[in-house]
Amino acid sequence: MKGRRIIVAALLVAATAPTWAVEGNAEAAKSKISMCVGCHGIPGYRTAFPSVYHVPKIGGQHPAYIVQALQAYKNGDRSHPSMQAIAASLSEQDMADLAAYYGGAQ
């Protein structure tokens, strides 16, 4: 049941996510992923800041979802101190590139 809800939620996000103005380049993202792999690149990683929680896997996520999440951290709609700081430093092109890279990763 939980898996079905996750799939439905992902489909809803993908169907309602706005398209972004720039085309992502997965190759260009390779020089930008250093800020991501320290948490999202470790299978089963749990972080202790700001509280202990499981860090989500982003490899294989739908690119539109990744861009939407990064935009939400950047504009304050999503609250996480580390992610807000990282997203604040990203341009629209950076977000699209990271989404293209992680969207194609498994």
N, C-alpha and C. Protein backbone atom coordinates (compact mmCIF):
# COMPACT_ATOMS: atom_id res chain seq x y z
N MET A 1 0.82 -1.20 0.00
CA MET A 1 0.00 0.00 0.00
C MET A 1 0.87 1.26 0.00
N LYS A 2 1.93 1.25 0.85
CA LYS A 2 2.79 2.43 0.93
C LYS A 2 3.45 2.68 -0.42
N GLY A 3 3.93 1.60 -1.07
CA GLY A 3 4.57 1.74 -2.38
C GLY A 3 3.63 2.34 -3.41
N ARG A 4 2.38 1.94 -3.36
CA ARG A 4 1.38 2.47 -4.30
C ARG A 4 1.17 3.97 -4.08
N ARG A 5 1.14 4.39 -2.81
CA ARG A 5 0.97 5.82 -2.51
C ARG A 5 2.16 6.63 -3.01
N ILE A 6 3.36 6.07 -2.88
CA ILE A 6 4.55 6.77 -3.36
C ILE A 6 4.49 6.93 -4.87
N ILE A 7 4.09 5.88 -5.57
CA ILE A 7 3.99 5.94 -7.03
C ILE A 7 2.95 6.97 -7.45
N VAL A 8 1.80 6.95 -6.80
CA VAL A 8 0.74 7.91 -7.12
C VAL A 8 1.22 9.33 -6.86
N ALA A 9 1.90 9.55 -5.73
CA ALA A 9 2.41 10.89 -5.41
C ALA A 9 3.43 11.34 -6.45
N ALA A 10 4.32 10.44 -6.86
CA ALA A 10 5.33 10.79 -7.87
C ALA A 10 4.67 11.13 -9.20
N LEU A 11 3.65 10.38 -9.57
CA LEU A 11 2.95 10.67 -10.82
C LEU A 11 2.23 12.02 -10.76
N LEU A 12 1.65 12.32 -9.61
CA LEU A 12 0.98 13.62 -9.46
C LEU A 12 1.97 14.77 -9.55
N VAL A 13 3.13 14.60 -8.90
CA VAL A 13 4.16 15.64 -8.97
C VAL A 13 4.62 15.81 -10.40
N ALA A 14 4.89 14.71 -11.08
CA ALA A 14 5.37 14.78 -12.46
C ALA A 14 4.33 15.41 -13.38
N ALA A 15 3.06 15.09 -13.16
CA ALA A 15 2.00 15.61 -14.03
C ALA A 15 1.73 17.09 -13.79
N THR A 16 1.94 17.55 -12.56
CA THR A 16 1.61 18.93 -12.25
C THR A 16 2.83 19.84 -12.16
N ALA A 17 4.01 19.27 -12.27
CA ALA A 17 5.24 20.07 -12.15
C ALA A 17 5.37 20.99 -13.35
N PRO A 18 5.71 22.24 -13.10
CA PRO A 18 5.91 23.15 -14.22
C PRO A 18 7.18 22.78 -14.98
N THR A 19 7.17 23.03 -16.24
CA THR A 19 8.39 22.80 -17.00
C THR A 19 9.33 23.96 -16.73
N TRP A 20 10.62 23.70 -16.77
CA TRP A 20 11.56 24.76 -16.51
C TRP A 20 12.11 25.27 -17.83
N ALA A 21 12.66 26.45 -17.78
CA ALA A 21 13.03 27.16 -18.99
C ALA A 21 14.33 26.68 -19.62
N VAL A 22 15.14 25.93 -18.91
CA VAL A 22 16.43 25.53 -19.45
C VAL A 22 16.50 24.01 -19.58
N GLU A 23 17.28 23.57 -20.52
CA GLU A 23 17.52 22.15 -20.74
C GLU A 23 18.67 21.70 -19.84
N GLY A 24 18.48 20.61 -19.14
CA GLY A 24 19.52 20.09 -18.26
C GLY A 24 20.58 19.33 -19.04
N ASN A 25 21.82 19.40 -18.55
CA ASN A 25 22.94 18.72 -19.17
C ASN A 25 23.60 17.84 -18.10
N ALA A 26 23.37 16.53 -18.21
CA ALA A 26 23.90 15.60 -17.22
C ALA A 26 25.42 15.63 -17.16
N GLU A 27 26.07 15.82 -18.30
CA GLU A 27 27.53 15.86 -18.33
C GLU A 27 28.05 17.09 -17.57
N ALA A 28 27.39 18.23 -17.74
CA ALA A 28 27.79 19.45 -17.04
C ALA A 28 27.60 19.31 -15.53
N ALA A 29 26.65 18.49 -15.12
CA ALA A 29 26.38 18.32 -13.69
C ALA A 29 27.51 17.62 -12.96
N LYS A 30 28.33 16.87 -13.69
CA LYS A 30 29.41 16.11 -13.04
C LYS A 30 30.37 17.01 -12.27
N SER A 31 30.47 18.27 -12.67
CA SER A 31 31.32 19.21 -11.94
C SER A 31 30.56 19.91 -10.81
N LYS A 32 29.27 19.58 -10.65
CA LYS A 32 28.44 20.25 -9.65
C LYS A 32 27.93 19.31 -8.56
N ILE A 33 28.16 18.00 -8.70
CA ILE A 33 27.53 17.05 -7.78
C ILE A 33 28.26 16.89 -6.45
N SER A 34 29.42 17.50 -6.30
CA SER A 34 30.18 17.32 -5.06
C SER A 34 29.37 17.74 -3.84
N MET A 35 28.47 18.70 -3.99
CA MET A 35 27.66 19.15 -2.86
C MET A 35 26.52 18.19 -2.55
N CYS A 36 26.26 17.23 -3.44
CA CYS A 36 25.16 16.29 -3.26
C CYS A 36 25.61 14.93 -2.75
N VAL A 37 26.74 14.46 -3.28
CA VAL A 37 27.16 13.08 -3.01
C VAL A 37 27.53 12.81 -1.57
N GLY A 38 27.89 13.83 -0.82
CA GLY A 38 28.26 13.63 0.58
C GLY A 38 27.13 13.09 1.42
N CYS A 39 25.90 13.32 1.02
CA CYS A 39 24.73 12.78 1.74
C CYS A 39 23.93 11.83 0.84
N HIS A 40 23.57 12.31 -0.35
CA HIS A 40 22.69 11.53 -1.23
C HIS A 40 23.43 10.41 -1.95
N GLY A 41 24.75 10.40 -1.90
CA GLY A 41 25.51 9.36 -2.58
C GLY A 41 25.90 8.19 -1.69
N ILE A 42 25.41 8.17 -0.46
CA ILE A 42 25.76 7.10 0.48
C ILE A 42 24.49 6.27 0.75
N PRO A 43 24.44 5.04 0.25
CA PRO A 43 23.25 4.21 0.47
C PRO A 43 22.93 4.06 1.96
N GLY A 44 21.68 4.29 2.31
CA GLY A 44 21.23 4.14 3.69
C GLY A 44 21.71 5.20 4.66
N TYR A 45 22.26 6.30 4.14
CA TYR A 45 22.83 7.34 5.00
C TYR A 45 21.77 8.00 5.87
N ARG A 46 22.12 8.25 7.10
CA ARG A 46 21.28 9.02 8.03
C ARG A 46 22.11 10.21 8.49
N THR A 47 21.51 11.36 8.47
CA THR A 47 22.21 12.56 8.90
C THR A 47 21.76 12.92 10.31
N ALA A 48 22.54 13.72 10.98
CA ALA A 48 22.22 14.12 12.35
C ALA A 48 21.88 15.60 12.45
N PHE A 49 21.80 16.30 11.32
CA PHE A 49 21.50 17.73 11.36
C PHE A 49 20.38 18.05 10.40
N PRO A 50 19.39 18.75 10.76
CA PRO A 50 19.11 19.30 12.09
C PRO A 50 18.53 18.26 13.05
N SER A 51 18.17 17.10 12.54
CA SER A 51 17.75 15.98 13.39
C SER A 51 18.14 14.69 12.66
N VAL A 52 18.06 13.57 13.35
CA VAL A 52 18.43 12.30 12.72
C VAL A 52 17.29 11.86 11.80
N TYR A 53 17.62 11.60 10.55
CA TYR A 53 16.63 11.12 9.58
C TYR A 53 17.36 10.46 8.42
N HIS A 54 16.63 9.64 7.69
CA HIS A 54 17.16 8.95 6.52
C HIS A 54 17.22 9.94 5.35
N VAL A 55 18.38 10.04 4.72
CA VAL A 55 18.56 10.92 3.56
C VAL A 55 17.98 10.22 2.34
N PRO A 56 17.08 10.86 1.62
CA PRO A 56 16.45 10.20 0.47
C PRO A 56 17.41 9.97 -0.69
N LYS A 57 17.18 8.89 -1.40
CA LYS A 57 17.91 8.60 -2.63
C LYS A 57 17.36 9.52 -3.71
N ILE A 58 18.23 10.20 -4.43
CA ILE A 58 17.74 11.06 -5.51
C ILE A 58 18.05 10.50 -6.89
N GLY A 59 18.94 9.53 -6.97
CA GLY A 59 19.24 8.90 -8.25
C GLY A 59 18.01 8.19 -8.77
N GLY A 60 17.61 8.48 -10.01
CA GLY A 60 16.44 7.87 -10.61
C GLY A 60 15.15 8.63 -10.38
N GLN A 61 15.20 9.72 -9.60
CA GLN A 61 14.01 10.55 -9.41
C GLN A 61 13.67 11.25 -10.72
N HIS A 62 12.43 11.58 -10.90
CA HIS A 62 12.00 12.31 -12.09
C HIS A 62 12.66 13.70 -12.07
N PRO A 63 13.28 14.11 -13.17
CA PRO A 63 13.97 15.41 -13.20
C PRO A 63 13.09 16.59 -12.79
N ALA A 64 11.83 16.59 -13.20
CA ALA A 64 10.94 17.70 -12.83
C ALA A 64 10.76 17.77 -11.32
N TYR A 65 10.71 16.61 -10.67
CA TYR A 65 10.57 16.58 -9.22
C TYR A 65 11.82 17.17 -8.56
N ILE A 66 12.99 16.81 -9.07
CA ILE A 66 14.23 17.31 -8.50
C ILE A 66 14.30 18.83 -8.61
N VAL A 67 13.98 19.36 -9.78
CA VAL A 67 13.99 20.81 -9.97
C VAL A 67 12.97 21.47 -9.04
N GLN A 68 11.78 20.91 -8.98
CA GLN A 68 10.74 21.49 -8.13
C GLN A 68 11.17 21.49 -6.66
N ALA A 69 11.80 20.40 -6.21
CA ALA A 69 12.26 20.34 -4.81
C ALA A 69 13.35 21.38 -4.56
N LEU A 70 14.31 21.48 -5.47
CA LEU A 70 15.39 22.47 -5.29
C LEU A 70 14.84 23.89 -5.28
N GLN A 71 13.88 24.18 -6.16
CA GLN A 71 13.26 25.51 -6.17
C GLN A 71 12.53 25.78 -4.86
N ALA A 72 11.86 24.75 -4.32
CA ALA A 72 11.14 24.92 -3.06
C ALA A 72 12.10 25.18 -1.90
N TYR A 73 13.26 24.52 -1.90
CA TYR A 73 14.27 24.82 -0.87
C TYR A 73 14.79 26.24 -1.04
N LYS A 74 15.03 26.63 -2.29
CA LYS A 74 15.59 27.96 -2.55
C LYS A 74 14.63 29.07 -2.14
N ASN A 75 13.34 28.89 -2.40
CA ASN A 75 12.41 29.97 -2.06
C ASN A 75 11.79 29.83 -0.67
N GLY A 76 12.21 28.80 0.09
CA GLY A 76 11.76 28.67 1.48
C GLY A 76 10.49 27.87 1.68
N ASP A 77 9.91 27.31 0.60
CA ASP A 77 8.71 26.49 0.76
C ASP A 77 9.02 25.15 1.41
N ARG A 78 10.26 24.70 1.28
CA ARG A 78 10.72 23.49 1.97
C ARG A 78 11.76 23.93 2.99
N SER A 79 11.69 23.31 4.17
CA SER A 79 12.57 23.74 5.25
C SER A 79 13.58 22.67 5.61
N HIS A 80 14.83 22.94 5.32
CA HIS A 80 15.96 22.14 5.77
C HIS A 80 17.18 23.02 5.62
N PRO A 81 17.86 23.35 6.72
CA PRO A 81 18.96 24.33 6.65
C PRO A 81 20.04 24.02 5.62
N SER A 82 20.50 22.78 5.57
CA SER A 82 21.57 22.44 4.61
C SER A 82 21.07 22.56 3.18
N MET A 83 19.88 22.00 2.91
CA MET A 83 19.35 22.03 1.55
C MET A 83 19.00 23.46 1.13
N GLN A 84 18.50 24.27 2.04
CA GLN A 84 18.20 25.66 1.70
C GLN A 84 19.47 26.40 1.31
N ALA A 85 20.55 26.18 2.05
CA ALA A 85 21.82 26.84 1.75
C ALA A 85 22.37 26.39 0.41
N ILE A 86 22.31 25.10 0.14
CA ILE A 86 22.80 24.59 -1.13
C ILE A 86 21.95 25.12 -2.28
N ALA A 87 20.65 25.03 -2.15
CA ALA A 87 19.75 25.48 -3.22
C ALA A 87 19.90 26.97 -3.49
N ALA A 88 20.17 27.75 -2.44
CA ALA A 88 20.32 29.20 -2.62
C ALA A 88 21.49 29.52 -3.53
N SER A 89 22.47 28.62 -3.58
CA SER A 89 23.65 28.86 -4.41
C SER A 89 23.48 28.39 -5.85
N LEU A 90 22.36 27.73 -6.15
CA LEU A 90 22.17 27.15 -7.48
C LEU A 90 21.42 28.08 -8.43
N SER A 91 21.89 28.11 -9.65
CA SER A 91 21.16 28.83 -10.70
C SER A 91 20.10 27.89 -11.28
N GLU A 92 19.24 28.42 -12.12
CA GLU A 92 18.24 27.60 -12.80
C GLU A 92 18.94 26.53 -13.65
N GLN A 93 20.05 26.92 -14.29
CA GLN A 93 20.81 25.96 -15.11
C GLN A 93 21.42 24.87 -14.25
N ASP A 94 21.96 25.24 -13.08
CA ASP A 94 22.52 24.25 -12.16
C ASP A 94 21.45 23.22 -11.77
N MET A 95 20.27 23.71 -11.43
CA MET A 95 19.18 22.81 -11.03
C MET A 95 18.81 21.86 -12.16
N ALA A 96 18.69 22.41 -13.36
CA ALA A 96 18.35 21.56 -14.52
C ALA A 96 19.43 20.54 -14.79
N ASP A 97 20.68 20.93 -14.66
CA ASP A 97 21.79 20.00 -14.90
C ASP A 97 21.79 18.88 -13.85
N LEU A 98 21.63 19.25 -12.58
CA LEU A 98 21.59 18.24 -11.53
C LEU A 98 20.41 17.29 -11.70
N ALA A 99 19.28 17.85 -12.11
CA ALA A 99 18.08 17.02 -12.34
C ALA A 99 18.31 16.06 -13.50
N ALA A 100 18.97 16.52 -14.55
CA ALA A 100 19.27 15.64 -15.68
C ALA A 100 20.22 14.53 -15.26
N TYR A 101 21.20 14.86 -14.46
CA TYR A 101 22.18 13.86 -13.99
C TYR A 101 21.51 12.83 -13.08
N TYR A 102 20.84 13.28 -12.03
CA TYR A 102 20.24 12.36 -11.08
C TYR A 102 19.00 11.69 -11.64
N GLY A 103 18.30 12.34 -12.54
CA GLY A 103 17.13 11.72 -13.17
C GLY A 103 17.51 10.52 -14.02
N GLY A 104 18.72 10.52 -14.54
CA GLY A 104 19.18 9.40 -15.35
C GLY A 104 19.96 8.37 -14.56
N ALA A 105 20.25 8.66 -13.31
CA ALA A 105 21.04 7.76 -12.46
C ALA A 105 20.13 6.73 -11.81
N GLN A 106 20.64 5.57 -11.60
CA GLN A 106 19.88 4.54 -10.88
C GLN A 106 20.64 4.23 -9.64
